[in-house]
């Protein structure tokens, strides 16, 4: 079984995926335990998918959320 460090793949927005009985998600890895805001991203993804099913990826959602978070900082 790989260590948590080997499971971290980043850059593809896989940090948004949830753990399953067969696989531990990146968001549950020790280095990512301090991350928050997944509930907001999940709601945003659901809202967009209700209008554009299978069109916008998790990576797209994460990129847009990061852009908006930076712009809201002033």
PDB file of N, CA and C in Angstrom:
ATOM      1  N   UNK A   1       0.845  -1.186   0.000  1.00  0.00           N
ATOM      2  CA  UNK A   1       0.000   0.000   0.000  1.00  0.00           C
ATOM      3  C   UNK A   1       0.886   1.243   0.000  1.00  0.00           C
ATOM      4  N   UNK A   2       0.625   2.215  -0.896  1.00  0.00           N
ATOM      5  CA  UNK A   2       1.442   3.427  -0.945  1.00  0.00           C
ATOM      6  C   UNK A   2       1.207   4.304   0.276  1.00  0.00           C
ATOM      7  N   UNK A   3       2.207   5.100   0.600  1.00  0.00           N
ATOM      8  CA  UNK A   3       2.064   6.041   1.707  1.00  0.00           C
ATOM      9  C   UNK A   3       1.216   7.221   1.256  1.00  0.00           C
ATOM     10  N   UNK A   4       0.778   8.048   2.208  1.00  0.00           N
ATOM     11  CA  UNK A   4      -0.018   9.228   1.866  1.00  0.00           C
ATOM     12  C   UNK A   4       0.715  10.145   0.907  1.00  0.00           C
ATOM     13  N   UNK A   5       2.014  10.260   1.072  1.00  0.00           N
ATOM     14  CA  UNK A   5       2.789  11.139   0.192  1.00  0.00           C
ATOM     15  C   UNK A   5       2.695  10.662  -1.251  1.00  0.00           C
ATOM     16  N   UNK A   6       2.732   9.349  -1.479  1.00  0.00           N
ATOM     17  CA  UNK A   6       2.643   8.823  -2.835  1.00  0.00           C
ATOM     18  C   UNK A   6       1.257   9.019  -3.433  1.00  0.00           C
ATOM     19  N   UNK A   7       0.230   9.143  -2.592  1.00  0.00           N
ATOM     20  CA  UNK A   7      -1.131   9.316  -3.087  1.00  0.00           C
ATOM     21  C   UNK A   7      -1.416  10.733  -3.553  1.00  0.00           C
ATOM     22  N   UNK A   8      -0.634  11.696  -3.102  1.00  0.00           N
ATOM     23  CA  UNK A   8      -0.886  13.088  -3.449  1.00  0.00           C
ATOM     24  C   UNK A   8      -0.498  13.339  -4.891  1.00  0.00           C
ATOM     25  N   UNK A   9      -1.472  13.700  -5.703  1.00  0.00           N
ATOM     26  CA  UNK A   9      -1.236  13.927  -7.116  1.00  0.00           C
ATOM     27  C   UNK A   9      -1.505  15.370  -7.537  1.00  0.00           C
ATOM     28  N   UNK A  10      -2.204  16.152  -6.707  1.00  0.00           N
ATOM     29  CA  UNK A  10      -2.437  17.570  -6.961  1.00  0.00           C
ATOM     30  C   UNK A  10      -2.933  17.929  -8.345  1.00  0.00           C
ATOM     31  N   UNK A  11      -2.676  19.065  -8.817  1.00  0.00           N
ATOM     32  CA  UNK A  11      -2.895  19.681 -10.127  1.00  0.00           C
ATOM     33  C   UNK A  11      -4.105  19.261 -10.955  1.00  0.00           C
ATOM     34  N   UNK A  12      -4.716  18.136 -10.719  1.00  0.00           N
ATOM     35  CA  UNK A  12      -5.860  17.708 -11.510  1.00  0.00           C
ATOM     36  C   UNK A  12      -7.173  17.904 -10.757  1.00  0.00           C
ATOM     37  N   UNK A  13      -7.131  18.590  -9.644  1.00  0.00           N
ATOM     38  CA  UNK A  13      -8.289  18.866  -8.794  1.00  0.00           C
ATOM     39  C   UNK A  13      -8.802  17.616  -8.096  1.00  0.00           C
ATOM     40  N   UNK A  14      -8.000  16.568  -8.049  1.00  0.00           N
ATOM     41  CA  UNK A  14      -8.428  15.354  -7.366  1.00  0.00           C
ATOM     42  C   UNK A  14      -8.568  15.584  -5.863  1.00  0.00           C
ATOM     43  N   UNK A  15      -8.119  16.725  -5.375  1.00  0.00           N
ATOM     44  CA  UNK A  15      -8.309  17.084  -3.969  1.00  0.00           C
ATOM     45  C   UNK A  15      -9.803  17.199  -3.653  1.00  0.00           C
ATOM     46  N   UNK A  16     -10.639  17.351  -4.667  1.00  0.00           N
ATOM     47  CA  UNK A  16     -12.075  17.478  -4.460  1.00  0.00           C
ATOM     48  C   UNK A  16     -12.794  16.138  -4.369  1.00  0.00           C
ATOM     49  N   UNK A  17     -12.126  15.044  -4.714  1.00  0.00           N
ATOM     50  CA  UNK A  17     -12.762  13.730  -4.689  1.00  0.00           C
ATOM     51  C   UNK A  17     -12.883  13.225  -3.265  1.00  0.00           C
ATOM     52  N   UNK A  18     -13.915  12.446  -2.998  1.00  0.00           N
ATOM     53  CA  UNK A  18     -14.136  11.871  -1.680  1.00  0.00           C
ATOM     54  C   UNK A  18     -13.528  10.471  -1.603  1.00  0.00           C
ATOM     55  N   UNK A  19     -13.165  10.064  -0.403  1.00  0.00           N
ATOM     56  CA  UNK A  19     -12.646   8.719  -0.179  1.00  0.00           C
ATOM     57  C   UNK A  19     -13.740   7.691  -0.445  1.00  0.00           C
ATOM     58  N   UNK A  20     -13.328   6.505  -0.843  1.00  0.00           N
ATOM     59  CA  UNK A  20     -14.235   5.378  -1.004  1.00  0.00           C
ATOM     60  C   UNK A  20     -13.733   4.240  -0.131  1.00  0.00           C
ATOM     61  N   UNK A  21     -14.452   3.152  -0.111  1.00  0.00           N
ATOM     62  CA  UNK A  21     -14.017   2.005   0.688  1.00  0.00           C
ATOM     63  C   UNK A  21     -12.727   1.402   0.142  1.00  0.00           C
ATOM     64  N   UNK A  22     -12.409   1.680  -1.128  1.00  0.00           N
ATOM     65  CA  UNK A  22     -11.215   1.117  -1.768  1.00  0.00           C
ATOM     66  C   UNK A  22     -10.060   2.101  -1.898  1.00  0.00           C
ATOM     67  N   UNK A  23     -10.315   3.370  -1.657  1.00  0.00           N
ATOM     68  CA  UNK A  23      -9.295   4.380  -1.930  1.00  0.00           C
ATOM     69  C   UNK A  23      -9.423   5.566  -0.978  1.00  0.00           C
ATOM     70  N   UNK A  24      -8.296   6.012  -0.453  1.00  0.00           N
ATOM     71  CA  UNK A  24      -8.270   7.208   0.384  1.00  0.00           C
ATOM     72  C   UNK A  24      -8.052   8.423  -0.504  1.00  0.00           C
ATOM     73  N   UNK A  25      -8.934   9.391  -0.390  1.00  0.00           N
ATOM     74  CA  UNK A  25      -8.845  10.603  -1.204  1.00  0.00           C
ATOM     75  C   UNK A  25      -7.744  11.516  -0.691  1.00  0.00           C
ATOM     76  N   UNK A  26      -7.272  12.381  -1.585  1.00  0.00           N
ATOM     77  CA  UNK A  26      -6.233  13.339  -1.211  1.00  0.00           C
ATOM     78  C   UNK A  26      -6.689  14.262  -0.091  1.00  0.00           C
ATOM     79  N   UNK A  27      -7.965  14.627  -0.073  1.00  0.00           N
ATOM     80  CA  UNK A  27      -8.445  15.547   0.966  1.00  0.00           C
ATOM     81  C   UNK A  27      -8.332  14.933   2.354  1.00  0.00           C
ATOM     82  N   UNK A  28      -8.240  13.606   2.440  1.00  0.00           N
ATOM     83  CA  UNK A  28      -8.102  12.927   3.724  1.00  0.00           C
ATOM     84  C   UNK A  28      -6.661  12.597   4.081  1.00  0.00           C
ATOM     85  N   UNK A  29      -5.727  12.931   3.195  1.00  0.00           N
ATOM     86  CA  UNK A  29      -4.311  12.717   3.477  1.00  0.00           C
ATOM     87  C   UNK A  29      -3.850  13.714   4.546  1.00  0.00           C
ATOM     88  N   UNK A  30      -2.927  13.300   5.360  1.00  0.00           N
ATOM     89  CA  UNK A  30      -2.455  14.117   6.484  1.00  0.00           C
ATOM     90  C   UNK A  30      -2.058  15.539   6.055  1.00  0.00           C
ATOM     91  N   UNK A  31      -1.295  15.726   4.961  1.00  0.00           N
ATOM     92  CA  UNK A  31      -0.906  17.094   4.602  1.00  0.00           C
ATOM     93  C   UNK A  31      -2.077  18.005   4.244  1.00  0.00           C
ATOM     94  N   UNK A  32      -3.232  17.427   3.940  1.00  0.00           N
ATOM     95  CA  UNK A  32      -4.384  18.225   3.515  1.00  0.00           C
ATOM     96  C   UNK A  32      -5.470  18.353   4.570  1.00  0.00           C
ATOM     97  N   UNK A  33      -5.230  17.887   5.766  1.00  0.00           N
ATOM     98  CA  UNK A  33      -6.234  17.901   6.831  1.00  0.00           C
ATOM     99  C   UNK A  33      -6.671  19.310   7.205  1.00  0.00           C
ATOM    100  N   UNK A  34      -5.856  20.319   6.949  1.00  0.00           N
ATOM    101  CA  UNK A  34      -6.208  21.687   7.334  1.00  0.00           C
ATOM    102  C   UNK A  34      -7.033  22.421   6.268  1.00  0.00           C
ATOM    103  N   UNK A  35      -7.251  21.810   5.118  1.00  0.00           N
ATOM    104  CA  UNK A  35      -8.014  22.462   4.056  1.00  0.00           C
ATOM    105  C   UNK A  35      -9.499  22.504   4.414  1.00  0.00           C
ATOM    106  N   UNK A  36     -10.151  23.578   4.035  1.00  0.00           N
ATOM    107  CA  UNK A  36     -11.583  23.746   4.300  1.00  0.00           C
ATOM    108  C   UNK A  36     -12.267  24.273   3.042  1.00  0.00           C
ATOM    109  N   UNK A  37     -13.562  24.401   3.108  1.00  0.00           N
ATOM    110  CA  UNK A  37     -14.320  24.989   2.005  1.00  0.00           C
ATOM    111  C   UNK A  37     -14.852  23.978   1.014  1.00  0.00           C
ATOM    112  N   UNK A  38     -14.678  22.687   1.297  1.00  0.00           N
ATOM    113  CA  UNK A  38     -15.156  21.672   0.361  1.00  0.00           C
ATOM    114  C   UNK A  38     -16.666  21.726   0.190  1.00  0.00           C
ATOM    115  N   UNK A  39     -17.385  22.089   1.234  1.00  0.00           N
ATOM    116  CA  UNK A  39     -18.842  22.163   1.135  1.00  0.00           C
ATOM    117  C   UNK A  39     -19.268  23.230   0.131  1.00  0.00           C
ATOM    118  N   UNK A  40     -18.565  24.332   0.094  1.00  0.00           N
ATOM    119  CA  UNK A  40     -18.874  25.403  -0.858  1.00  0.00           C
ATOM    120  C   UNK A  40     -18.580  24.942  -2.279  1.00  0.00           C
ATOM    121  N   UNK A  41     -17.431  24.297  -2.466  1.00  0.00           N
ATOM    122  CA  UNK A  41     -17.070  23.809  -3.795  1.00  0.00           C
ATOM    123  C   UNK A  41     -18.034  22.730  -4.269  1.00  0.00           C
ATOM    124  N   UNK A  42     -18.477  21.861  -3.363  1.00  0.00           N
ATOM    125  CA  UNK A  42     -19.453  20.826  -3.726  1.00  0.00           C
ATOM    126  C   UNK A  42     -20.771  21.446  -4.157  1.00  0.00           C
ATOM    127  N   UNK A  43     -21.219  22.479  -3.458  1.00  0.00           N
ATOM    128  CA  UNK A  43     -22.468  23.160  -3.824  1.00  0.00           C
ATOM    129  C   UNK A  43     -22.334  23.871  -5.169  1.00  0.00           C
ATOM    130  N   UNK A  44     -21.186  24.499  -5.388  1.00  0.00           N
ATOM    131  CA  UNK A  44     -20.940  25.189  -6.650  1.00  0.00           C
ATOM    132  C   UNK A  44     -20.939  24.207  -7.812  1.00  0.00           C
ATOM    133  N   UNK A  45     -20.253  23.088  -7.639  1.00  0.00           N
ATOM    134  CA  UNK A  45     -20.211  22.061  -8.684  1.00  0.00           C
ATOM    135  C   UNK A  45     -21.618  21.530  -8.977  1.00  0.00           C
ATOM    136  N   UNK A  46     -22.413  21.270  -7.940  1.00  0.00           N
ATOM    137  CA  UNK A  46     -23.777  20.773  -8.137  1.00  0.00           C
ATOM    138  C   UNK A  46     -24.634  21.798  -8.877  1.00  0.00           C
ATOM    139  N   UNK A  47     -24.487  23.064  -8.530  1.00  0.00           N
ATOM    140  CA  UNK A  47     -25.257  24.123  -9.193  1.00  0.00           C
ATOM    141  C   UNK A  47     -24.898  24.209 -10.674  1.00  0.00           C
ATOM    142  N   UNK A  48     -23.611  24.194 -10.968  1.00  0.00           N
ATOM    143  CA  UNK A  48     -23.179  24.274 -12.370  1.00  0.00           C
ATOM    144  C   UNK A  48     -23.619  23.030 -13.141  1.00  0.00           C
ATOM    145  N   UNK A  49     -23.469  21.855 -12.528  1.00  0.00           N
ATOM    146  CA  UNK A  49     -23.872  20.629 -13.211  1.00  0.00           C
ATOM    147  C   UNK A  49     -25.377  20.562 -13.441  1.00  0.00           C
ATOM    148  N   UNK A  50     -26.172  21.234 -12.606  1.00  0.00           N
ATOM    149  CA  UNK A  50     -27.616  21.237 -12.833  1.00  0.00           C
ATOM    150  C   UNK A  50     -27.974  21.988 -14.114  1.00  0.00           C
ATOM    151  N   UNK A  51     -27.100  22.871 -14.553  1.00  0.00           N
ATOM    152  CA  UNK A  51     -27.312  23.638 -15.777  1.00  0.00           C
ATOM    153  C   UNK A  51     -26.506  23.109 -16.962  1.00  0.00           C
ATOM    154  N   UNK A  52     -25.349  22.515 -16.682  1.00  0.00           N
ATOM    155  CA  UNK A  52     -24.417  22.077 -17.736  1.00  0.00           C
ATOM    156  C   UNK A  52     -23.840  20.709 -17.371  1.00  0.00           C
ATOM    157  N   UNK A  53     -24.641  19.674 -17.429  1.00  0.00           N
ATOM    158  CA  UNK A  53     -24.225  18.337 -17.007  1.00  0.00           C
ATOM    159  C   UNK A  53     -23.007  17.849 -17.789  1.00  0.00           C
ATOM    160  N   UNK A  54     -22.008  17.370 -17.050  1.00  0.00           N
ATOM    161  CA  UNK A  54     -20.781  16.789 -17.631  1.00  0.00           C
ATOM    162  C   UNK A  54     -20.032  17.751 -18.549  1.00  0.00           C
ATOM    163  N   UNK A  55     -20.091  19.036 -18.227  1.00  0.00           N
ATOM    164  CA  UNK A  55     -19.414  20.044 -19.047  1.00  0.00           C
ATOM    165  C   UNK A  55     -18.244  20.678 -18.316  1.00  0.00           C
ATOM    166  N   UNK A  56     -18.418  20.949 -17.037  1.00  0.00           N
ATOM    167  CA  UNK A  56     -17.408  21.636 -16.240  1.00  0.00           C
ATOM    168  C   UNK A  56     -16.740  20.618 -15.312  1.00  0.00           C
ATOM    169  N   UNK A  57     -15.410  20.574 -15.353  1.00  0.00           N
ATOM    170  CA  UNK A  57     -14.671  19.607 -14.538  1.00  0.00           C
ATOM    171  C   UNK A  57     -14.411  20.148 -13.135  1.00  0.00           C
ATOM    172  N   UNK A  58     -13.983  19.264 -12.261  1.00  0.00           N
ATOM    173  CA  UNK A  58     -13.586  19.682 -10.915  1.00  0.00           C
ATOM    174  C   UNK A  58     -12.415  20.654 -10.987  1.00  0.00           C
ATOM    175  N   UNK A  59     -11.513  20.446 -11.927  1.00  0.00           N
ATOM    176  CA  UNK A  59     -10.375  21.360 -12.089  1.00  0.00           C
ATOM    177  C   UNK A  59     -10.867  22.750 -12.487  1.00  0.00           C
ATOM    178  N   UNK A  60     -11.876  22.807 -13.354  1.00  0.00           N
ATOM    179  CA  UNK A  60     -12.466  24.095 -13.742  1.00  0.00           C
ATOM    180  C   UNK A  60     -13.060  24.802 -12.532  1.00  0.00           C
ATOM    181  N   UNK A  61     -13.805  24.060 -11.719  1.00  0.00           N
ATOM    182  CA  UNK A  61     -14.442  24.637 -10.530  1.00  0.00           C
ATOM    183  C   UNK A  61     -13.385  25.190  -9.584  1.00  0.00           C
ATOM    184  N   UNK A  62     -12.332  24.422  -9.365  1.00  0.00           N
ATOM    185  CA  UNK A  62     -11.273  24.846  -8.457  1.00  0.00           C
ATOM    186  C   UNK A  62     -10.561  26.091  -8.991  1.00  0.00           C
ATOM    187  N   UNK A  63     -10.314  26.136 -10.290  1.00  0.00           N
ATOM    188  CA  UNK A  63      -9.654  27.297 -10.893  1.00  0.00           C
ATOM    189  C   UNK A  63     -10.529  28.547 -10.773  1.00  0.00           C
ATOM    190  N   UNK A  64     -11.815  28.411 -11.052  1.00  0.00           N
ATOM    191  CA  UNK A  64     -12.722  29.556 -10.949  1.00  0.00           C
ATOM    192  C   UNK A  64     -12.869  30.028  -9.509  1.00  0.00           C
ATOM    193  N   UNK A  65     -12.960  29.093  -8.581  1.00  0.00           N
ATOM    194  CA  UNK A  65     -13.077  29.464  -7.167  1.00  0.00           C
ATOM    195  C   UNK A  65     -11.819  30.180  -6.694  1.00  0.00           C
ATOM    196  N   UNK A  66     -10.659  29.715  -7.125  1.00  0.00           N
ATOM    197  CA  UNK A  66      -9.403  30.368  -6.743  1.00  0.00           C
ATOM    198  C   UNK A  66      -9.328  31.774  -7.333  1.00  0.00           C
ATOM    199  N   UNK A  67      -9.731  31.901  -8.604  1.00  0.00           N
ATOM    200  CA  UNK A  67      -9.733  33.235  -9.231  1.00  0.00           C
ATOM    201  C   UNK A  67     -10.644  34.187  -8.488  1.00  0.00           C
ATOM    202  N   UNK A  68     -11.854  33.731  -8.157  1.00  0.00           N
ATOM    203  CA  UNK A  68     -12.803  34.591  -7.465  1.00  0.00           C
ATOM    204  C   UNK A  68     -12.341  34.928  -6.046  1.00  0.00           C
ATOM    205  N   UNK A  69     -11.753  33.971  -5.369  1.00  0.00           N
ATOM    206  CA  UNK A  69     -11.253  34.226  -4.011  1.00  0.00           C
ATOM    207  C   UNK A  69     -10.184  35.309  -4.020  1.00  0.00           C
ATOM    208  N   UNK A  70      -9.311  35.267  -5.016  1.00  0.00           N
ATOM    209  CA  UNK A  70      -8.257  36.284  -5.128  1.00  0.00           C
ATOM    210  C   UNK A  70      -8.879  37.637  -5.461  1.00  0.00           C
ATOM    211  N   UNK A  71      -9.861  37.663  -6.372  1.00  0.00           N
ATOM    212  CA  UNK A  71     -10.452  38.950  -6.762  1.00  0.00           C
ATOM    213  C   UNK A  71     -11.248  39.570  -5.606  1.00  0.00           C
ATOM    214  N   UNK A  72     -11.845  38.744  -4.749  1.00  0.00           N
ATOM    215  CA  UNK A  72     -12.596  39.267  -3.605  1.00  0.00           C
ATOM    216  C   UNK A  72     -11.690  39.860  -2.531  1.00  0.00           C
ATOM    217  N   UNK A  73     -10.404  39.562  -2.598  1.00  0.00           N
ATOM    218  CA  UNK A  73      -9.459  40.090  -1.612  1.00  0.00           C
ATOM    219  C   UNK A  73      -9.185  41.577  -1.841  1.00  0.00           C
ATOM    220  N   UNK A  74      -9.615  42.110  -2.959  1.00  0.00           N
ATOM    221  CA  UNK A  74      -9.489  43.530  -3.177  1.00  0.00           C
ATOM    222  C   UNK A  74      -8.492  43.857  -4.213  1.00  0.00           C
TER     223      UNK A  74
END
